[in-house]
Amino acid sequence: MTINEYFNQYYDVLCNGDLSNLDQFFHSDSPFLQGVKSQYEAIRKQLEMTIKLESIELVAKQDDLLVIRDKILFEGNKDGAIKKSRTGNLHVMTKKNDDEWKVQSTSPLTVESA
């Protein structure tokens, strides 16, 4: 699976999927997994959302570490009022014991109205 495919699936789960499926994207020892689940559970209660991956790039690679930067278009719909924003994110992925690459952490870099 390419990095592009991985993050398209990741954002699809955030918007539409069962949030317990985020476990397949994060390392089990990531201290951020539960926070991400809680954050998107709360967002979903407030509005319908879509996230479109606009660009993605590999910033750095080591044997056990990937650093990836993406730009997404977030669209939220609450009672017909649509709000859009573009966000840049930095994802750190790790590989442990020759396992698959999985997200360790994600940090927003920029947020701007779209």
Protein backbone atom coordinates (compact mmCIF):
# COMPACT_ATOMS: atom_id res chain seq x y z
CA MET A 1 0.00 0.00 0.00
CA THR A 2 1.33 3.44 -0.89
CA ILE A 3 1.46 6.32 1.59
CA ASN A 4 -1.27 8.05 -0.45
CA GLU A 5 -3.56 5.00 -0.22
CA TYR A 6 -2.80 4.61 3.50
CA PHE A 7 -3.82 8.17 4.35
CA ASN A 8 -6.85 8.16 2.05
CA GLN A 9 -8.09 5.13 3.98
CA TYR A 10 -7.15 6.77 7.29
CA TYR A 11 -9.15 9.92 6.52
CA ASP A 12 -12.08 7.83 5.24
CA VAL A 13 -12.23 6.04 8.62
CA LEU A 14 -12.10 9.40 10.43
CA CYS A 15 -15.08 10.65 8.42
CA ASN A 16 -17.20 7.60 7.78
CA GLY A 17 -15.85 4.47 9.38
CA ASP A 18 -16.00 2.78 12.73
CA LEU A 19 -13.51 4.72 14.83
CA SER A 20 -12.33 1.50 16.45
CA ASN A 21 -10.78 0.76 13.04
CA LEU A 22 -8.23 3.51 13.75
CA ASP A 23 -6.38 0.85 15.74
CA GLN A 24 -5.11 -0.57 12.43
CA PHE A 25 -3.47 2.78 11.56
CA PHE A 26 -1.85 3.62 14.92
CA HIS A 27 0.75 1.73 16.88
CA SER A 28 -0.79 0.22 19.99
CA ASP A 29 1.71 2.12 22.15
CA SER A 30 0.85 5.51 20.63
CA PRO A 31 -0.32 7.81 23.42
CA PHE A 32 -2.43 9.74 20.88
CA LEU A 33 -4.80 7.05 19.59
CA GLN A 34 -7.49 7.47 22.24
CA GLY A 35 -7.37 11.26 21.91
CA VAL A 36 -7.87 11.08 18.14
CA LYS A 37 -10.82 8.72 18.57
CA SER A 38 -12.42 11.00 21.17
CA GLN A 39 -11.80 14.12 19.09
CA TYR A 40 -13.45 12.72 15.96
CA GLU A 41 -16.29 11.14 17.92
CA ALA A 42 -17.11 14.61 19.29
CA ILE A 43 -16.78 16.26 15.86
CA ARG A 44 -19.12 13.68 14.29
CA LYS A 45 -21.79 14.47 16.88
CA GLN A 46 -21.70 18.12 15.82
CA LEU A 47 -21.52 17.90 12.03
CA GLU A 48 -21.14 15.81 8.91
CA MET A 49 -17.64 16.00 7.51
CA THR A 50 -15.49 15.02 4.59
CA ILE A 51 -11.73 15.13 4.38
CA LYS A 52 -9.99 15.13 1.01
CA LEU A 53 -6.27 14.49 0.78
CA GLU A 54 -4.93 17.19 -1.54
CA SER A 55 -1.20 16.46 -1.33
CA ILE A 56 1.19 14.23 0.54
CA GLU A 57 4.96 13.99 0.64
CA LEU A 58 7.62 11.98 2.38
CA VAL A 59 9.80 14.44 4.30
CA ALA A 60 12.27 12.04 5.94
CA LYS A 61 12.93 8.32 6.13
CA GLN A 62 15.04 6.18 8.40
CA ASP A 63 14.97 2.44 8.98
CA ASP A 64 12.32 2.72 11.69
CA LEU A 65 10.85 6.20 11.12
CA LEU A 66 8.92 8.09 8.44
CA VAL A 67 7.98 11.75 8.55
CA ILE A 68 5.13 12.68 6.22
CA ARG A 69 3.53 16.04 5.47
CA ASP A 70 0.09 16.32 3.97
CA LYS A 71 -2.45 18.95 3.09
CA ILE A 72 -6.14 18.16 3.47
CA LEU A 73 -9.38 19.92 2.65
CA PHE A 74 -11.81 19.60 5.56
CA GLU A 75 -15.48 20.28 4.86
CA GLY A 76 -18.00 20.35 7.68
CA ASN A 77 -21.75 20.57 7.19
CA LYS A 78 -23.99 21.53 10.09
CA ASP A 79 -27.64 22.11 9.29
CA GLY A 80 -26.80 23.14 5.73
CA ALA A 81 -24.08 25.59 6.74
CA ILE A 82 -20.84 24.44 5.13
CA LYS A 83 -17.46 25.42 6.49
CA LYS A 84 -14.22 24.56 4.69
CA SER A 85 -10.62 24.74 5.79
CA ARG A 86 -7.25 23.53 4.59
CA THR A 87 -4.93 21.97 7.10
CA GLY A 88 -1.33 20.89 6.82
CA ASN A 89 -0.33 17.98 9.03
CA LEU A 90 2.90 16.30 10.01
CA HIS A 91 2.64 12.56 10.64
CA VAL A 92 5.33 10.49 12.32
CA MET A 93 5.15 6.80 11.46
CA THR A 94 7.23 4.09 13.06
CA LYS A 95 8.05 0.52 12.23
CA LYS A 96 8.70 -1.85 15.10
CA ASN A 97 10.06 -5.40 14.91
CA ASP A 98 9.75 -5.45 11.10
CA ASP A 99 6.02 -4.78 11.40
CA GLU A 100 4.07 -2.49 9.12
CA TRP A 101 4.44 1.26 9.22
CA LYS A 102 1.92 2.80 11.61
CA VAL A 103 1.15 6.29 12.86
CA GLN A 104 2.82 7.23 16.11
CA SER A 105 1.67 10.86 16.18
CA THR A 106 0.11 13.61 14.08
CA SER A 107 0.50 17.36 14.51
CA PRO A 108 -1.32 20.11 12.63
CA LEU A 109 1.04 22.60 10.99
CA THR A 110 -1.33 25.12 9.43
CA VAL A 111 -5.05 25.83 9.28
CA GLU A 112 -6.56 28.28 6.80
CA SER A 113 -10.05 28.97 5.52
CA ALA A 114 -10.78 27.49 2.12
